[in-house]
C-alpha atoms as a PDB file:
ATOM      1  CA  UNK A   1      16.529  46.487 -17.972  1.00  0.00           C
ATOM      2  CA  UNK A   2      14.370  47.959 -15.073  1.00  0.00           C
ATOM      3  CA  UNK A   3      10.653  46.675 -15.215  1.00  0.00           C
ATOM      4  CA  UNK A   4       7.786  48.449 -13.513  1.00  0.00           C
ATOM      5  CA  UNK A   5       4.452  48.205 -12.512  1.00  0.00           C
ATOM      6  CA  UNK A   6       1.802  50.861 -13.317  1.00  0.00           C
ATOM      7  CA  UNK A   7      -1.161  51.735 -11.043  1.00  0.00           C
ATOM      8  CA  UNK A   8      -3.013  53.827 -13.839  1.00  0.00           C
ATOM      9  CA  UNK A   9      -5.761  55.689 -11.009  1.00  0.00           C
ATOM     10  CA  UNK A  10      -7.824  59.044 -10.907  1.00  0.00           C
ATOM     11  CA  UNK A  11     -10.232  59.937  -8.502  1.00  0.00           C
ATOM     12  CA  UNK A  12     -12.814  61.500 -11.193  1.00  0.00           C
ATOM     13  CA  UNK A  13     -14.902  58.981 -12.902  1.00  0.00           C
ATOM     14  CA  UNK A  14     -18.000  59.049 -15.064  1.00  0.00           C
ATOM     15  CA  UNK A  15     -19.504  55.817 -13.725  1.00  0.00           C
ATOM     16  CA  UNK A  16     -18.555  55.711 -10.212  1.00  0.00           C
ATOM     17  CA  UNK A  17     -16.823  58.576  -9.016  1.00  0.00           C
ATOM     18  CA  UNK A  18     -14.307  58.174  -6.179  1.00  0.00           C
ATOM     19  CA  UNK A  19     -14.229  54.345  -6.832  1.00  0.00           C
ATOM     20  CA  UNK A  20     -10.588  53.935  -5.554  1.00  0.00           C
ATOM     21  CA  UNK A  21     -11.542  55.181  -2.062  1.00  0.00           C
ATOM     22  CA  UNK A  22     -14.609  52.875  -1.300  1.00  0.00           C
ATOM     23  CA  UNK A  23     -13.578  50.093   1.279  1.00  0.00           C
ATOM     24  CA  UNK A  24     -13.501  46.478   1.219  1.00  0.00           C
ATOM     25  CA  UNK A  25     -13.047  45.209   4.657  1.00  0.00           C
ATOM     26  CA  UNK A  26     -12.833  48.556   5.880  1.00  0.00           C
ATOM     27  CA  UNK A  27      -9.492  49.022   3.493  1.00  0.00           C
ATOM     28  CA  UNK A  28      -9.669  51.610   0.624  1.00  0.00           C
ATOM     29  CA  UNK A  29      -9.761  49.966  -3.048  1.00  0.00           C
ATOM     30  CA  UNK A  30      -6.541  52.040  -3.937  1.00  0.00           C
ATOM     31  CA  UNK A  31      -4.736  50.549  -0.773  1.00  0.00           C
ATOM     32  CA  UNK A  32      -5.624  47.096  -1.679  1.00  0.00           C
ATOM     33  CA  UNK A  33      -4.755  47.574  -5.553  1.00  0.00           C
ATOM     34  CA  UNK A  34      -1.097  48.785  -4.011  1.00  0.00           C
ATOM     35  CA  UNK A  35      -0.285  45.922  -1.719  1.00  0.00           C
ATOM     36  CA  UNK A  36      -1.652  43.193  -4.749  1.00  0.00           C
ATOM     37  CA  UNK A  37       0.849  45.295  -7.236  1.00  0.00           C
ATOM     38  CA  UNK A  38       3.701  45.099  -4.698  1.00  0.00           C
ATOM     39  CA  UNK A  39       3.604  41.139  -4.501  1.00  0.00           C
ATOM     40  CA  UNK A  40       4.617  41.347  -8.537  1.00  0.00           C
ATOM     41  CA  UNK A  41       8.153  40.057  -7.563  1.00  0.00           C
ATOM     42  CA  UNK A  42      10.128  40.998 -10.586  1.00  0.00           C
ATOM     43  CA  UNK A  43       8.815  44.427 -10.625  1.00  0.00           C
ATOM     44  CA  UNK A  44      11.691  47.021  -9.783  1.00  0.00           C
ATOM     45  CA  UNK A  45       8.903  49.684  -8.881  1.00  0.00           C
ATOM     46  CA  UNK A  46       5.360  49.853  -8.134  1.00  0.00           C
ATOM     47  CA  UNK A  47       4.439  53.748  -9.510  1.00  0.00           C
ATOM     48  CA  UNK A  48       0.927  55.048  -9.287  1.00  0.00           C
ATOM     49  CA  UNK A  49       0.236  57.068 -12.268  1.00  0.00           C
ATOM     50  CA  UNK A  50      -2.523  59.825 -11.827  1.00  0.00           C
ATOM     51  CA  UNK A  51      -3.402  63.160 -13.103  1.00  0.00           C
ATOM     52  CA  UNK A  52      -2.208  66.689 -12.302  1.00  0.00           C
ATOM     53  CA  UNK A  53      -5.833  67.231 -11.190  1.00  0.00           C
ATOM     54  CA  UNK A  54      -6.018  68.600  -7.666  1.00  0.00           C
ATOM     55  CA  UNK A  55      -8.296  66.156  -6.387  1.00  0.00           C
ATOM     56  CA  UNK A  56      -5.768  63.285  -6.978  1.00  0.00           C
ATOM     57  CA  UNK A  57      -3.450  64.782  -4.216  1.00  0.00           C
ATOM     58  CA  UNK A  58      -5.345  62.348  -2.216  1.00  0.00           C
ATOM     59  CA  UNK A  59      -4.353  58.990  -4.262  1.00  0.00           C
ATOM     60  CA  UNK A  60      -0.743  60.490  -4.270  1.00  0.00           C
ATOM     61  CA  UNK A  61      -0.524  61.006  -0.423  1.00  0.00           C
ATOM     62  CA  UNK A  62      -1.975  57.236   0.114  1.00  0.00           C
ATOM     63  CA  UNK A  63       0.685  55.961  -2.489  1.00  0.00           C
ATOM     64  CA  UNK A  64       3.553  57.754  -0.702  1.00  0.00           C
ATOM     65  CA  UNK A  65       2.400  56.530   2.542  1.00  0.00           C
ATOM     66  CA  UNK A  66       2.263  52.777   1.405  1.00  0.00           C
ATOM     67  CA  UNK A  67       6.092  53.604   0.186  1.00  0.00           C
ATOM     68  CA  UNK A  68       5.465  53.307  -3.791  1.00  0.00           C
ATOM     69  CA  UNK A  69       6.373  56.108  -6.287  1.00  0.00           C
ATOM     70  CA  UNK A  70       4.146  58.523  -7.843  1.00  0.00           C
ATOM     71  CA  UNK A  71       4.057  60.037 -11.320  1.00  0.00           C
ATOM     72  CA  UNK A  72       1.233  62.882 -12.198  1.00  0.00           C
ATOM     73  CA  UNK A  73       0.464  63.639 -15.907  1.00  0.00           C
ATOM     74  CA  UNK A  74      -1.984  64.019 -18.793  1.00  0.00           C
ATOM     75  CA  UNK A  75      -6.014  63.852 -17.493  1.00  0.00           C
ATOM     76  CA  UNK A  76      -6.887  62.383 -20.825  1.00  0.00           C
ATOM     77  CA  UNK A  77      -4.067  60.851 -22.154  1.00  0.00           C
ATOM     78  CA  UNK A  78      -3.017  57.979 -20.260  1.00  0.00           C
ATOM     79  CA  UNK A  79      -0.323  57.000 -22.887  1.00  0.00           C
ATOM     80  CA  UNK A  80       1.718  59.878 -22.013  1.00  0.00           C
ATOM     81  CA  UNK A  81       0.970  59.671 -18.511  1.00  0.00           C
ATOM     82  CA  UNK A  82       2.911  56.310 -18.814  1.00  0.00           C
ATOM     83  CA  UNK A  83       5.585  57.424 -20.782  1.00  0.00           C
ATOM     84  CA  UNK A  84       6.231  60.181 -18.546  1.00  0.00           C
ATOM     85  CA  UNK A  85       6.341  57.669 -15.908  1.00  0.00           C
ATOM     86  CA  UNK A  86       8.791  55.382 -17.819  1.00  0.00           C
ATOM     87  CA  UNK A  87      11.170  58.274 -18.565  1.00  0.00           C
ATOM     88  CA  UNK A  88      11.238  59.623 -15.174  1.00  0.00           C
ATOM     89  CA  UNK A  89      11.685  56.253 -13.493  1.00  0.00           C
ATOM     90  CA  UNK A  90      13.652  54.762 -16.295  1.00  0.00           C
ATOM     91  CA  UNK A  91      11.682  51.923 -16.664  1.00  0.00           C
ATOM     92  CA  UNK A  92      11.947  49.629 -19.864  1.00  0.00           C
ATOM     93  CA  UNK A  93       9.020  47.259 -19.605  1.00  0.00           C
ATOM     94  CA  UNK A  94       5.797  47.593 -17.347  1.00  0.00           C
ATOM     95  CA  UNK A  95       2.707  46.091 -16.732  1.00  0.00           C
ATOM     96  CA  UNK A  96      -0.657  48.338 -16.154  1.00  0.00           C
ATOM     97  CA  UNK A  97      -2.313  47.564 -13.366  1.00  0.00           C
ATOM     98  CA  UNK A  98      -5.597  49.537 -13.428  1.00  0.00           C
ATOM     99  CA  UNK A  99      -7.241  50.623 -10.170  1.00  0.00           C
ATOM    100  CA  UNK A 100     -10.623  48.776 -10.798  1.00  0.00           C
ATOM    101  CA  UNK A 101      -9.057  45.663 -11.417  1.00  0.00           C
ATOM    102  CA  UNK A 102      -9.097  44.201  -7.796  1.00  0.00           C
ATOM    103  CA  UNK A 103      -8.421  40.651  -8.855  1.00  0.00           C
ATOM    104  CA  UNK A 104      -5.279  41.281 -11.204  1.00  0.00           C
ATOM    105  CA  UNK A 105      -2.965  38.448 -10.550  1.00  0.00           C
ATOM    106  CA  UNK A 106       0.602  39.457  -9.617  1.00  0.00           C
ATOM    107  CA  UNK A 107       1.776  35.743 -10.758  1.00  0.00           C
ATOM    108  CA  UNK A 108       0.539  36.762 -14.224  1.00  0.00           C
ATOM    109  CA  UNK A 109       2.274  40.031 -14.116  1.00  0.00           C
ATOM    110  CA  UNK A 110       5.220  38.480 -13.757  1.00  0.00           C
ATOM    111  CA  UNK A 111       4.959  36.015 -16.431  1.00  0.00           C
ATOM    112  CA  UNK A 112       4.419  39.062 -18.793  1.00  0.00           C
ATOM    113  CA  UNK A 113       7.358  40.662 -17.605  1.00  0.00           C
ATOM    114  CA  UNK A 114       9.476  37.747 -18.237  1.00  0.00           C
ATOM    115  CA  UNK A 115       7.929  37.044 -21.423  1.00  0.00           C
ATOM    116  CA  UNK A 116       8.103  40.551 -22.980  1.00  0.00           C
ATOM    117  CA  UNK A 117      11.769  40.663 -22.250  1.00  0.00           C
ATOM    118  CA  UNK A 118      12.835  37.035 -22.925  1.00  0.00           C
ATOM    119  CA  UNK A 119      10.811  36.879 -26.372  1.00  0.00           C
ATOM    120  CA  UNK A 120      11.830  40.532 -27.340  1.00  0.00           C
ATOM    121  CA  UNK A 121       8.072  41.502 -27.724  1.00  0.00           C
ATOM    122  CA  UNK A 122       6.473  45.269 -27.539  1.00  0.00           C
ATOM    123  CA  UNK A 123       3.310  44.206 -26.407  1.00  0.00           C
ATOM    124  CA  UNK A 124       1.376  41.563 -24.424  1.00  0.00           C
ATOM    125  CA  UNK A 125      -2.172  41.013 -24.051  1.00  0.00           C
ATOM    126  CA  UNK A 126      -4.626  38.146 -23.131  1.00  0.00           C
ATOM    127  CA  UNK A 127      -7.829  37.106 -24.527  1.00  0.00           C
ATOM    128  CA  UNK A 128      -7.824  33.976 -22.559  1.00  0.00           C
ATOM    129  CA  UNK A 129      -7.478  35.203 -19.143  1.00  0.00           C
ATOM    130  CA  UNK A 130     -10.287  36.373 -16.885  1.00  0.00           C
ATOM    131  CA  UNK A 131     -10.783  40.202 -17.227  1.00  0.00           C
ATOM    132  CA  UNK A 132      -9.396  42.148 -14.700  1.00  0.00           C
ATOM    133  CA  UNK A 133      -6.581  39.205 -13.676  1.00  0.00           C
ATOM    134  CA  UNK A 134      -4.266  40.740 -16.400  1.00  0.00           C
ATOM    135  CA  UNK A 135      -4.203  43.884 -18.337  1.00  0.00           C
ATOM    136  CA  UNK A 136      -1.184  44.591 -20.542  1.00  0.00           C
ATOM    137  CA  UNK A 137       2.505  44.719 -20.466  1.00  0.00           C
ATOM    138  CA  UNK A 138       4.381  46.809 -22.791  1.00  0.00           C
ATOM    139  CA  UNK A 139       7.667  47.844 -23.754  1.00  0.00           C
ATOM    140  CA  UNK A 140       9.051  51.496 -23.432  1.00  0.00           C
ATOM    141  CA  UNK A 141      10.249  51.331 -26.943  1.00  0.00           C
ATOM    142  CA  UNK A 142       6.904  50.722 -28.388  1.00  0.00           C
ATOM    143  CA  UNK A 143       5.176  53.397 -26.257  1.00  0.00           C
ATOM    144  CA  UNK A 144       7.635  55.734 -27.517  1.00  0.00           C
ATOM    145  CA  UNK A 145       6.758  55.092 -30.918  1.00  0.00           C
ATOM    146  CA  UNK A 146       2.905  55.418 -30.382  1.00  0.00           C
ATOM    147  CA  UNK A 147       3.183  58.445 -28.626  1.00  0.00           C
ATOM    148  CA  UNK A 148       5.136  59.673 -31.934  1.00  0.00           C
ATOM    149  CA  UNK A 149       2.776  58.478 -34.454  1.00  0.00           C
ATOM    150  CA  UNK A 150      -0.720  58.983 -32.091  1.00  0.00           C
ATOM    151  CA  UNK A 151      -3.284  61.796 -33.486  1.00  0.00           C
ATOM    152  CA  UNK A 152      -5.534  62.162 -30.300  1.00  0.00           C
ATOM    153  CA  UNK A 153      -5.145  62.598 -26.589  1.00  0.00           C
ATOM    154  CA  UNK A 154      -8.316  60.292 -26.020  1.00  0.00           C
ATOM    155  CA  UNK A 155      -6.369  57.189 -25.427  1.00  0.00           C
ATOM    156  CA  UNK A 156      -8.437  55.171 -22.973  1.00  0.00           C
ATOM    157  CA  UNK A 157      -8.614  52.313 -25.399  1.00  0.00           C
ATOM    158  CA  UNK A 158      -5.049  52.477 -25.829  1.00  0.00           C
ATOM    159  CA  UNK A 159      -4.286  49.144 -27.154  1.00  0.00           C
ATOM    160  CA  UNK A 160      -5.582  49.840 -30.826  1.00  0.00           C
ATOM    161  CA  UNK A 161      -1.913  51.584 -31.175  1.00  0.00           C
ATOM    162  CA  UNK A 162      -0.277  48.715 -30.462  1.00  0.00           C
ATOM    163  CA  UNK A 163      -2.541  45.817 -31.980  1.00  0.00           C
ATOM    164  CA  UNK A 164      -3.951  47.556 -34.974  1.00  0.00           C
ATOM    165  CA  UNK A 165      -1.082  49.425 -36.383  1.00  0.00           C
ATOM    166  CA  UNK A 166       0.916  46.241 -37.606  1.00  0.00           C
ATOM    167  CA  UNK A 167       4.091  48.016 -36.270  1.00  0.00           C
ATOM    168  CA  UNK A 168       4.816  46.003 -33.043  1.00  0.00           C
ATOM    169  CA  UNK A 169       5.625  42.528 -32.238  1.00  0.00           C
ATOM    170  CA  UNK A 170       2.631  41.640 -30.073  1.00  0.00           C
ATOM    171  CA  UNK A 171       1.907  38.033 -28.179  1.00  0.00           C
ATOM    172  CA  UNK A 172      -0.915  36.715 -25.973  1.00  0.00           C
ATOM    173  CA  UNK A 173      -0.040  35.954 -22.064  1.00  0.00           C
END
């Protein structure tokens, strides 16, 4: 079983455009995120999941220069972007590491990757962890099912497909 870390990022943001290129101590936010994601010890791949928009070419270049994989997919539908990445890189379980979660904790993501496989879960979330320290862990089989049944491309608030359908084995981290 292959495990992955998906960094979800795009340049276009309505609230703060190009926030991933802002600098903290002289280093771009996206580079900080990539380095934190690479610290997840039980992840087989770190994959930057971005859009097909030309404006995201720069993100891809940064990712490749930092020695991680890249997947480009749908602009609106992050679930389909993740599905494409998991198909291409043969990922069975993955944690999502959003590029605006600067304090995403590698150890919590390691715990989630272990828990989802050991407990044979479909989806892990957390209402107890500080927001931004952990996002989600998803089984590829559940993602495939969600992509099959969803009726919209607007999947920014994607957790509802896993939590509110009653179709999946869900747990707290």
